[in-house]
C-alpha cells in the first residue's frame, strides 16, 4: 500500500494518491491531471476510483477530466447531485482497492454531501481517514458555504457538523492518520495548523472543535464565531465542480496562442472590458507597469487572490507575465476556474517599454523612511482584521484588501497617504486596485509590518485577537 499526499502550497490543498496491488484511487485531484496518470503508469497501476469529499468551492477539481481521460469511476457521498455520471455512495459503503478498502463515511456539515473516506489496511485495520473539509488540523470546515443551497442557516449546518464529528470521526482510534483537504492559508477554515498530516489522537487533544466535553451549543457558537465572508468566486467554483468544465489542456492551448504586440494589447485593453493582470513581482510592478493594470504576483498567494478580488470566473483577462512563466500562470488561473484569458503581452513589459508606451509607477519608501515621515500623512493597513487586532501601527486605519472596494471613500483623493500590509505583497495589490479606481496618491511601505516593527514605530498590540 502506498499513500502519497500531493500538496499544492498556493491553494493550501492536499490531493491524495493511494495505490494497492496495481489499483489506484485519487482523492480530490487538481484540475491538471497529467501527473496522476503518469504516476499510475510509472507504478504499473490503473486508476480505479476518483473519490471526491464534496463539491469544492475554492478550486476546480480534476475529477471530470480524469474520468474522461482514463475511464475511472467518480464517487461522491450521499446527497451529491452532479450533472455528470458518478457513483453516489451510500453511508458506510465499502470500495475495494487492491488489498485494502475505502469506506465512505457520510459526514455532512461543511456541505450536505461532505464525506470522509476511511482506509482499512491489508489486515482490515483502520489506518487513515481522508476528511476533506470536514476535519482540518486544528479546525473544522466552515459551515456557512452551503447554507443557501441547503436552505439552512450556518447554525443548522454547524449542528449537523457536530453530530458528524461525534458519531463518525471521534469514535475512531487515536492512532489513525488524518489527511485533510486543506492546511493553513485556506479560506475554507479559520484556524488551521501549518502541518498537513497528524494523528486523530493529537487532534482530539488540541483541536478546539474536538473537545470531548464540548456541548453542541458551545460548538455552534465557536465554529460560527468570527467567520469572514467567503470569497465571491466560491459559488462559481462549486457550479463548475457540479456541472463540469472544459478540459484544461484545451484552455491552455487556446490561451497560449494569443500573444499580442503592444499595439494590439493596448487596443484590447481599451476596447474590451478585460482586466490587465500583471503577475510579476511587486518590486517590478512598483517600478513600472501598464497603466490601470492590476497586480497579483505569481509568487504570492496568486490563485486565491485572483478568485477573491476578480471574483467572476468569466471575466476576460489580459496578462503581463514574467519571461518563461506563461504556462504556469495559465495553469494556476485554471485551478480556480479563470479560463477566459483573451491575450498576453508578447515580450512582456520590456516590449511595452520598447514600443514607447506609457508607464505608470507606485511611489514606494523603506520602513525606516516611513518611521521618519509617519506624522506627515494618514496610514492605511490592508491586512486582515485578525492581523490588525494582533498588532498594528498605532495611527493606522484598517482597510482589508479582501473587501477594499467597501473602503474606497476612506482614502484621501488628493492628500498623500501611506499604505502597508504584512510583507509588501498585498499593499501593492491594493495600490494597483486604487490606481485603477483613479486614486494615485498612495505611498507604499516596502516590507510591510514585518519591516515596520523593526524601526521603532509606535505599535499597538493585543494578546486576545481572533484569526
Protein backbone atom coordinates (compact mmCIF):
# COMPACT_ATOMS: atom_id res chain seq x y z
CA UNK A 1 0.00 0.00 0.00
CA UNK A 2 1.23 3.47 -0.87
CA UNK A 3 -0.31 6.76 0.26
CA UNK A 4 1.06 9.98 -1.18
CA UNK A 5 -0.12 13.44 -0.27
CA UNK A 6 0.25 15.82 -3.23
CA UNK A 7 0.19 19.23 -1.61
CA UNK A 8 -0.21 22.46 -3.58
CA UNK A 9 1.01 25.33 -1.44
CA UNK A 10 -0.58 28.23 -3.33
CA UNK A 11 -4.03 26.70 -2.71
CA UNK A 12 -3.11 25.10 0.63
CA UNK A 13 -4.72 21.99 -0.86
CA UNK A 14 -3.97 18.30 -0.44
CA UNK A 15 -4.84 15.71 -3.08
CA UNK A 16 -4.10 12.04 -2.42
CA UNK A 17 -2.72 9.15 -4.47
CA UNK A 18 -3.41 5.73 -2.96
CA UNK A 19 -2.12 2.54 -4.58
CA UNK A 20 -2.56 -1.11 -3.60
CA UNK A 21 -1.76 -4.16 -5.69
CA UNK A 22 -1.98 -2.36 -9.02
CA UNK A 23 -5.09 -0.31 -8.31
CA UNK A 24 -5.17 3.43 -7.59
CA UNK A 25 -7.61 5.85 -6.01
CA UNK A 26 -7.19 9.62 -6.38
CA UNK A 27 -8.85 11.79 -3.75
CA UNK A 28 -9.72 15.43 -4.55
CA UNK A 29 -7.44 15.84 -7.59
CA UNK A 30 -6.41 19.19 -9.01
CA UNK A 31 -7.71 20.18 -12.44
CA UNK A 32 -4.50 19.34 -14.32
CA UNK A 33 -4.49 15.54 -14.12
CA UNK A 34 -1.48 14.52 -16.20
CA UNK A 35 0.74 13.91 -13.17
CA UNK A 36 -1.72 11.43 -11.65
CA UNK A 37 -1.92 9.48 -14.89
CA UNK A 38 1.88 9.46 -15.23
CA UNK A 39 2.34 8.36 -11.62
CA UNK A 40 -0.02 5.41 -12.06
CA UNK A 41 1.73 4.42 -15.28
CA UNK A 42 5.10 4.56 -13.52
CA UNK A 43 3.72 2.26 -10.81
CA UNK A 44 2.30 -0.13 -13.40
CA UNK A 45 -1.12 0.51 -11.89
CA UNK A 46 -4.61 1.53 -13.06
CA UNK A 47 -6.64 4.39 -11.63
CA UNK A 48 -9.88 2.76 -10.47
CA UNK A 49 -11.60 5.44 -8.38
CA UNK A 50 -11.75 9.24 -8.22
CA UNK A 51 -13.06 10.00 -4.75
CA UNK A 52 -14.47 13.45 -4.08
CA UNK A 53 -15.02 14.51 -0.48
CA UNK A 54 -17.52 17.21 -1.51
CA UNK A 55 -18.19 19.88 -4.14
CA UNK A 56 -15.16 22.10 -3.65
CA UNK A 57 -15.62 25.86 -3.55
CA UNK A 58 -12.04 27.12 -3.56
CA UNK A 59 -10.66 25.23 -6.57
CA UNK A 60 -11.78 23.32 -9.65
CA UNK A 61 -11.21 19.61 -9.13
CA UNK A 62 -9.86 17.31 -11.86
CA UNK A 63 -12.50 14.61 -11.45
CA UNK A 64 -14.32 15.23 -14.74
CA UNK A 65 -11.18 15.39 -16.89
CA UNK A 66 -9.59 12.40 -15.18
CA UNK A 67 -12.70 10.26 -15.69
CA UNK A 68 -12.88 11.27 -19.35
CA UNK A 69 -9.21 10.51 -19.98
CA UNK A 70 -8.84 7.15 -18.24
CA UNK A 71 -12.37 5.90 -17.56
CA UNK A 72 -12.13 5.78 -13.76
CA UNK A 73 -15.29 5.98 -11.68
CA UNK A 74 -16.14 9.26 -9.92
CA UNK A 75 -17.50 8.71 -6.42
CA UNK A 76 -19.34 11.21 -4.23
CA UNK A 77 -21.06 10.72 -0.91
CA UNK A 78 -24.78 10.81 -0.14
CA UNK A 79 -26.79 13.90 -1.19
CA UNK A 80 -24.48 14.76 -4.09
CA UNK A 81 -26.26 15.62 -7.34
CA UNK A 82 -23.68 16.18 -10.09
CA UNK A 83 -24.68 16.79 -13.70
CA UNK A 84 -22.26 14.11 -14.96
CA UNK A 85 -22.12 10.36 -14.44
CA UNK A 86 -20.92 9.44 -10.96
CA UNK A 87 -21.43 6.82 -8.29
CA UNK A 88 -23.29 8.27 -5.31
CA UNK A 89 -22.12 6.18 -2.38
CA UNK A 90 -24.33 5.12 0.48
CA UNK A 91 -23.23 5.82 4.02
CA UNK A 92 -20.70 3.12 5.09
CA UNK A 93 -20.43 1.73 1.56
CA UNK A 94 -17.12 -0.09 1.06
CA UNK A 95 -14.92 0.19 -2.04
CA UNK A 96 -12.18 -2.38 -2.63
CA UNK A 97 -8.83 -1.13 -3.87
CA UNK A 98 -6.30 -3.91 -4.37
CA UNK A 99 -5.71 -5.41 -0.92
CA UNK A 100 -7.25 -2.51 1.02
CA UNK A 101 -10.68 -0.89 1.33
CA UNK A 102 -12.08 2.62 1.48
CA UNK A 103 -15.33 3.17 3.36
CA UNK A 104 -17.49 6.22 2.65
CA UNK A 105 -18.49 7.82 5.95
CA UNK A 106 -21.15 10.46 5.35
CA UNK A 107 -20.05 13.48 7.43
CA UNK A 108 -22.30 16.42 6.46
CA UNK A 109 -21.97 19.87 7.97
CA UNK A 110 -19.44 21.72 5.87
CA UNK A 111 -21.69 20.76 2.98
CA UNK A 112 -24.54 18.28 2.97
CA UNK A 113 -22.70 15.83 0.71
CA UNK A 114 -19.41 16.01 2.64
CA UNK A 115 -17.90 12.56 3.04
CA UNK A 116 -14.86 11.19 4.87
CA UNK A 117 -13.12 8.12 3.46
CA UNK A 118 -11.84 5.57 5.98
CA UNK A 119 -8.93 3.46 4.73
CA UNK A 120 -8.53 -0.05 6.14
CA UNK A 121 -5.19 -1.75 5.52
CA UNK A 122 -4.43 -5.27 4.23
CA UNK A 123 -5.31 -6.74 7.65
CA UNK A 124 -8.64 -4.88 7.74
CA UNK A 125 -7.49 -2.46 10.43
CA UNK A 126 -8.43 1.23 10.41
CA UNK A 127 -5.38 3.06 9.09
CA UNK A 128 -6.30 6.59 7.94
CA UNK A 129 -9.14 8.98 7.23
CA UNK A 130 -9.31 11.42 4.33
CA UNK A 131 -11.52 14.09 5.81
CA UNK A 132 -11.90 16.66 3.03
CA UNK A 133 -13.19 19.87 4.61
CA UNK A 134 -14.98 18.11 7.46
CA UNK A 135 -11.94 18.00 9.74
CA UNK A 136 -8.80 20.05 9.33
CA UNK A 137 -5.74 20.02 11.54
CA UNK A 138 -6.57 22.50 14.28
CA UNK A 139 -10.00 23.34 12.91
CA UNK A 140 -13.10 22.10 11.08
CA UNK A 141 -14.70 23.20 7.82
CA UNK A 142 -16.68 26.41 7.88
CA UNK A 143 -20.44 25.75 7.98
CA UNK A 144 -21.60 28.79 6.04
CA UNK A 145 -20.75 27.89 2.44
CA UNK A 146 -23.65 25.54 1.69
CA UNK A 147 -26.43 27.28 3.61
CA UNK A 148 -28.16 28.76 0.55
CA UNK A 149 -28.10 25.52 -1.41
CA UNK A 150 -29.26 23.52 1.59
CA UNK A 151 -31.84 26.11 2.70
CA UNK A 152 -30.32 26.09 6.16
CA UNK A 153 -28.62 28.58 8.44
CA UNK A 154 -24.94 28.31 9.25
CA UNK A 155 -26.01 27.39 12.78
CA UNK A 156 -28.06 24.48 11.39
CA UNK A 157 -25.08 23.22 9.41
CA UNK A 158 -22.75 23.66 12.39
CA UNK A 159 -25.05 21.47 14.46
CA UNK A 160 -25.02 18.80 11.76
CA UNK A 161 -21.21 19.02 11.62
CA UNK A 162 -21.05 18.49 15.38
CA UNK A 163 -23.07 15.29 15.02
CA UNK A 164 -20.87 14.08 12.15
CA UNK A 165 -17.71 14.57 14.17
CA UNK A 166 -19.08 12.92 17.29
CA UNK A 167 -20.71 9.93 15.61
CA UNK A 168 -18.36 9.18 12.71
CA UNK A 169 -14.88 10.52 13.44
CA UNK A 170 -14.25 10.91 17.17
CA UNK A 171 -15.13 7.24 17.96
CA UNK A 172 -12.25 6.11 15.70
CA UNK A 173 -8.93 5.02 17.22
CA UNK A 174 -6.40 7.66 18.24
CA UNK A 175 -3.57 6.14 16.20
CA UNK A 176 -5.16 6.52 12.78
CA UNK A 177 -3.78 9.22 10.47
CA UNK A 178 -5.79 12.30 9.47
CA UNK A 179 -5.30 13.53 5.90
CA UNK A 180 -7.28 16.79 5.38
CA UNK A 181 -8.03 18.58 2.12
CA UNK A 182 -6.50 21.90 3.26
CA UNK A 183 -3.92 23.46 5.53
CA UNK A 184 -3.04 26.90 6.85
CA UNK A 185 -3.84 29.68 4.38
CA UNK A 186 -7.06 28.22 3.01
CA UNK A 187 -10.24 30.27 3.26
CA UNK A 188 -12.22 27.07 3.99
CA UNK A 189 -11.40 27.31 7.71
CA UNK A 190 -10.15 29.93 10.15
CA UNK A 191 -7.58 28.33 12.49
CA UNK A 192 -5.67 25.64 10.58
CA UNK A 193 -2.26 24.31 11.53
CA UNK A 194 0.72 24.63 9.19
CA UNK A 195 1.20 20.84 9.36
CA UNK A 196 -0.66 18.77 6.77
CA UNK A 197 -0.74 15.30 8.41
CA UNK A 198 -1.46 14.31 12.02
CA UNK A 199 -2.90 11.55 14.20
CA UNK A 200 -6.52 11.66 15.24
CA UNK A 201 -5.42 11.33 18.86
CA UNK A 202 -3.41 14.52 18.72
CA UNK A 203 -6.31 16.32 17.08
CA UNK A 204 -8.61 15.16 19.87
CA UNK A 205 -6.17 16.69 22.35
CA UNK A 206 -5.52 20.04 20.68
CA UNK A 207 -8.28 20.81 18.15
CA UNK A 208 -10.81 23.07 19.86
CA UNK A 209 -13.65 21.59 17.79
CA UNK A 210 -12.98 18.03 19.04
CA UNK A 211 -13.03 18.82 22.74
CA UNK A 212 -14.74 15.86 24.39
CA UNK A 213 -16.75 17.90 26.89
CA UNK A 214 -17.96 20.49 24.38
CA UNK A 215 -21.73 20.78 24.07
CA UNK A 216 -23.40 21.19 20.70
CA UNK A 217 -24.40 24.74 21.63
CA UNK A 218 -20.79 25.62 22.50
CA UNK A 219 -19.57 24.04 19.27
CA UNK A 220 -22.03 26.01 17.15
CA UNK A 221 -21.02 29.26 18.85
CA UNK A 222 -17.26 28.66 18.48
CA UNK A 223 -17.37 27.38 14.90
CA UNK A 224 -19.52 30.24 13.62
CA UNK A 225 -17.81 33.00 15.60
CA UNK A 226 -15.55 35.30 13.60
CA UNK A 227 -16.25 33.86 10.16
CA UNK A 228 -15.23 36.30 7.45
CA UNK A 229 -17.46 36.41 4.34
CA UNK A 230 -16.41 33.70 1.87
CA UNK A 231 -14.66 34.83 -1.33
CA UNK A 232 -17.10 35.69 -4.10
CA UNK A 233 -15.72 33.11 -6.53
CA UNK A 234 -16.60 30.17 -4.26
CA UNK A 235 -20.14 29.58 -5.61
CA UNK A 236 -18.83 29.73 -9.18
CA UNK A 237 -16.26 27.02 -8.47
CA UNK A 238 -18.94 24.87 -6.84
CA UNK A 239 -21.01 25.22 -10.02
CA UNK A 240 -18.08 24.11 -12.19
CA UNK A 241 -17.41 21.13 -9.94
CA UNK A 242 -21.07 20.08 -10.02
CA UNK A 243 -21.77 20.69 -13.71
CA UNK A 244 -18.39 20.07 -15.39
CA UNK A 245 -15.95 22.25 -17.28
CA UNK A 246 -13.76 22.46 -20.36
CA UNK A 247 -10.66 20.26 -20.42
CA UNK A 248 -7.73 22.26 -19.06
CA UNK A 249 -5.45 21.21 -21.94
CA UNK A 250 -7.78 22.94 -24.41
CA UNK A 251 -7.95 26.03 -22.21
CA UNK A 252 -4.15 26.20 -22.02
CA UNK A 253 -3.66 25.62 -25.74
CA UNK A 254 -6.13 28.36 -26.66
CA UNK A 255 -4.71 30.94 -24.25
CA UNK A 256 -1.09 30.18 -25.16
CA UNK A 257 -1.81 31.05 -28.81
CA UNK A 258 -2.98 34.56 -28.03
CA UNK A 259 0.25 36.53 -27.86
CA UNK A 260 -0.22 40.24 -28.67
CA UNK A 261 2.02 43.09 -29.79
CA UNK A 262 1.99 46.16 -27.52
CA UNK A 263 -0.29 47.89 -30.03
CA UNK A 264 -2.79 45.01 -30.13
CA UNK A 265 -2.60 44.61 -26.36
CA UNK A 266 -3.29 48.30 -25.80
CA UNK A 267 -6.23 48.21 -28.22
CA UNK A 268 -7.70 45.17 -26.50
CA UNK A 269 -7.33 46.83 -23.09
CA UNK A 270 -9.10 49.97 -24.34
CA UNK A 271 -11.83 48.31 -26.39
CA UNK A 272 -12.90 45.43 -24.14
CA UNK A 273 -13.86 45.10 -20.51
CA UNK A 274 -10.81 42.90 -19.89
CA UNK A 275 -8.72 43.30 -16.74
CA UNK A 276 -5.00 43.75 -17.38
CA UNK A 277 -3.47 41.40 -14.81
CA UNK A 278 0.25 41.83 -14.09
CA UNK A 279 1.71 38.81 -12.30
CA UNK A 280 5.36 39.87 -11.96
CA UNK A 281 6.98 40.60 -8.58
CA UNK A 282 5.75 43.55 -6.55
CA UNK A 283 9.18 45.18 -6.87
CA UNK A 284 8.97 45.07 -10.67
CA UNK A 285 5.38 46.30 -10.71
CA UNK A 286 6.18 49.27 -8.45
CA UNK A 287 8.99 50.34 -10.79
CA UNK A 288 6.85 50.31 -13.94
CA UNK A 289 3.62 48.79 -15.24
CA UNK A 290 0.89 49.18 -17.85
CA UNK A 291 -1.45 51.96 -16.64
CA UNK A 292 -4.63 50.74 -14.87
CA UNK A 293 -3.32 47.17 -14.63
CA UNK A 294 -3.99 45.09 -11.53
CA UNK A 295 -1.09 43.44 -9.73
CA UNK A 296 -1.42 39.93 -8.27
CA UNK A 297 2.04 38.38 -8.24
CA UNK A 298 2.51 34.76 -9.29
CA UNK A 299 4.96 34.22 -6.43
CA UNK A 300 2.45 35.09 -3.71
CA UNK A 301 -0.96 33.64 -2.87
CA UNK A 302 -1.86 34.08 -6.51
CA UNK A 303 -4.88 31.90 -7.31
CA UNK A 304 -6.88 32.59 -4.12
CA UNK A 305 -6.34 36.35 -4.50
CA UNK A 306 -7.39 36.22 -8.16
CA UNK A 307 -10.54 34.42 -7.07
CA UNK A 308 -11.26 36.75 -4.18
CA UNK A 309 -10.58 40.03 -5.99
CA UNK A 310 -11.60 39.39 -9.60
CA UNK A 311 -14.40 37.07 -8.45
CA UNK A 312 -16.15 36.40 -11.78
CA UNK A 313 -14.54 33.36 -13.43
CA UNK A 314 -15.85 34.54 -16.82
CA UNK A 315 -14.07 37.90 -16.57
CA UNK A 316 -11.86 38.48 -19.66
CA UNK A 317 -8.19 38.79 -18.69
CA UNK A 318 -5.15 40.25 -20.46
CA UNK A 319 -1.88 39.03 -18.97
CA UNK A 320 1.51 40.60 -18.32
CA UNK A 321 3.82 37.79 -17.21
CA UNK A 322 7.48 37.25 -16.37
CA UNK A 323 9.51 35.69 -19.16
CA UNK A 324 9.05 31.92 -19.42
CA UNK A 325 6.20 31.64 -16.92
CA UNK A 326 3.08 31.96 -19.09
CA UNK A 327 2.17 28.26 -18.79
CA UNK A 328 2.48 28.38 -15.01
CA UNK A 329 0.23 31.43 -14.83
CA UNK A 330 -2.42 29.87 -17.07
CA UNK A 331 -2.32 26.65 -15.04
CA UNK A 332 -2.81 28.46 -11.75
CA UNK A 333 -5.63 30.57 -13.17
CA UNK A 334 -7.39 27.43 -14.41
CA UNK A 335 -7.19 25.86 -10.95
CA UNK A 336 -9.72 28.40 -9.74
CA UNK A 337 -11.79 28.41 -12.93
CA UNK A 338 -10.45 31.54 -14.64
CA UNK A 339 -10.29 30.28 -18.24
CA UNK A 340 -11.06 33.47 -20.16
CA UNK A 341 -7.56 34.76 -20.94
CA UNK A 342 -8.09 36.67 -24.17
CA UNK A 343 -4.45 37.64 -24.70
CA UNK A 344 -1.00 38.16 -23.23
CA UNK A 345 1.67 40.79 -23.88
CA UNK A 346 4.25 39.18 -26.16
CA UNK A 347 7.68 40.11 -24.84
CA UNK A 348 6.27 41.36 -21.57
CA UNK A 349 6.87 44.77 -20.08
CA UNK A 350 10.18 45.11 -22.00
CA UNK A 351 8.27 45.08 -25.27
CA UNK A 352 5.77 47.60 -23.89
CA UNK A 353 8.57 50.00 -22.93
CA UNK A 354 10.41 49.45 -26.23
CA UNK A 355 7.25 50.43 -28.10
CA UNK A 356 7.23 53.78 -26.27
CA UNK A 357 4.01 53.08 -24.42
CA UNK A 358 3.04 54.94 -21.25
CA UNK A 359 4.36 53.51 -17.98
CA UNK A 360 2.86 54.03 -14.54
CA UNK A 361 4.69 53.61 -11.21
CA UNK A 362 3.92 53.46 -7.49
CA UNK A 363 5.77 55.69 -5.04
CA UNK A 364 7.47 53.42 -2.53
CA UNK A 365 9.58 54.04 0.58
CA UNK A 366 11.51 51.96 3.11
CA UNK A 367 10.16 51.20 6.56
CA UNK A 368 12.87 53.44 8.04
CA UNK A 369 11.70 56.35 5.88
CA UNK A 370 8.11 55.61 6.96
CA UNK A 371 9.25 55.84 10.59
CA UNK A 372 10.70 59.29 9.92
CA UNK A 373 7.70 60.57 7.94
CA UNK A 374 4.79 58.83 9.70
CA UNK A 375 3.35 62.07 11.03
CA UNK A 376 3.06 63.63 7.57
CA UNK A 377 0.22 61.50 6.19
CA UNK A 378 -2.52 59.07 7.15
CA UNK A 379 -1.65 55.36 7.23
CA UNK A 380 -3.82 52.51 5.91
CA UNK A 381 -3.30 48.85 6.82
CA UNK A 382 -4.69 46.37 4.26
CA UNK A 383 -4.11 43.17 6.26
CA UNK A 384 -6.88 41.00 7.68
CA UNK A 385 -8.78 42.09 10.78
CA UNK A 386 -7.15 39.39 12.92
CA UNK A 387 -3.67 40.53 11.91
CA UNK A 388 -4.55 44.15 12.63
CA UNK A 389 -6.06 43.33 16.02
CA UNK A 390 -2.96 41.39 17.00
CA UNK A 391 -0.53 44.21 16.21
CA UNK A 392 -0.77 47.43 14.22
CA UNK A 393 0.74 50.86 13.76
CA UNK A 394 -0.93 52.98 16.40
CA UNK A 395 -2.24 55.58 13.94
CA UNK A 396 -3.17 53.16 11.11
CA UNK A 397 -6.71 52.61 9.84
CA UNK A 398 -7.82 49.10 8.88
CA UNK A 399 -8.94 48.71 5.24
CA UNK A 400 -8.62 44.96 4.47
CA UNK A 401 -7.65 44.01 0.94
CA UNK A 402 -10.36 41.33 0.89
CA UNK A 403 -13.06 44.00 0.72
CA UNK A 404 -11.09 47.04 -0.35
CA UNK A 405 -13.88 48.31 -2.59
CA UNK A 406 -16.02 48.86 0.51
CA UNK A 407 -13.40 51.31 1.84
CA UNK A 408 -12.73 53.44 -1.24
CA UNK A 409 -14.39 56.50 0.26
CA UNK A 410 -11.97 56.42 3.20
CA UNK A 411 -8.86 57.07 1.10
CA UNK A 412 -7.85 60.72 0.50
CA UNK A 413 -8.41 61.83 -3.06
CA UNK A 414 -5.69 64.48 -3.09
CA UNK A 415 -3.50 64.25 0.02
CA UNK A 416 -0.83 61.57 0.05
CA UNK A 417 -1.20 58.56 2.33
CA UNK A 418 0.85 55.55 3.41
CA UNK A 419 -0.30 52.01 2.68
CA UNK A 420 1.17 48.76 4.02
CA UNK A 421 0.44 45.08 4.66
CA UNK A 422 2.47 42.32 6.34
CA UNK A 423 5.32 41.95 3.86
CA UNK A 424 4.66 44.18 0.84
CA UNK A 425 2.67 41.88 -1.46
CA UNK A 426 -0.89 42.85 -0.53
CA UNK A 427 -0.18 46.58 -0.28
CA UNK A 428 0.96 46.60 -3.91
CA UNK A 429 -2.19 44.70 -4.91
CA UNK A 430 -4.24 47.28 -3.04
CA UNK A 431 -2.32 50.16 -4.59
CA UNK A 432 -2.93 48.80 -8.08
CA UNK A 433 -6.67 48.48 -7.40
CA UNK A 434 -6.81 52.02 -6.01
CA UNK A 435 -4.94 53.37 -9.05
CA UNK A 436 -7.41 51.59 -11.34
CA UNK A 437 -10.15 53.49 -9.45
CA UNK A 438 -8.44 56.82 -10.03
CA UNK A 439 -6.65 57.12 -6.67
CA UNK A 440 -2.93 57.66 -7.34
CA UNK A 441 -1.57 59.41 -4.24
CA UNK A 442 -0.51 56.41 -2.15
CA UNK A 443 2.99 55.75 -0.80
CA UNK A 444 3.70 52.04 -0.46
CA UNK A 445 5.77 50.93 2.55
CA UNK A 446 8.28 48.30 1.44
CA UNK A 447 8.45 45.16 3.57
CA UNK A 448 5.18 45.92 5.34
CA UNK A 449 4.60 45.30 9.02
CA UNK A 450 7.49 42.87 9.34
CA UNK A 451 9.88 45.70 8.42
CA UNK A 452 7.95 48.45 10.23
CA UNK A 453 8.14 46.65 13.58
CA UNK A 454 11.96 46.86 13.46
CA UNK A 455 12.02 50.65 13.13
CA UNK A 456 10.68 51.86 16.48
CA UNK A 457 7.30 52.99 15.15
CA UNK A 458 4.70 53.06 17.91
CA UNK A 459 2.83 49.73 17.75
CA UNK A 460 -0.41 48.76 19.48
CA UNK A 461 -0.60 45.06 20.36
CA UNK A 462 -3.24 42.70 21.71
CA UNK A 463 -2.93 39.22 23.16
CA UNK A 464 -6.53 38.18 22.57
CA UNK A 465 -7.15 38.68 18.86
CA UNK A 466 -9.14 36.41 16.59
CA UNK A 467 -7.72 34.88 13.44
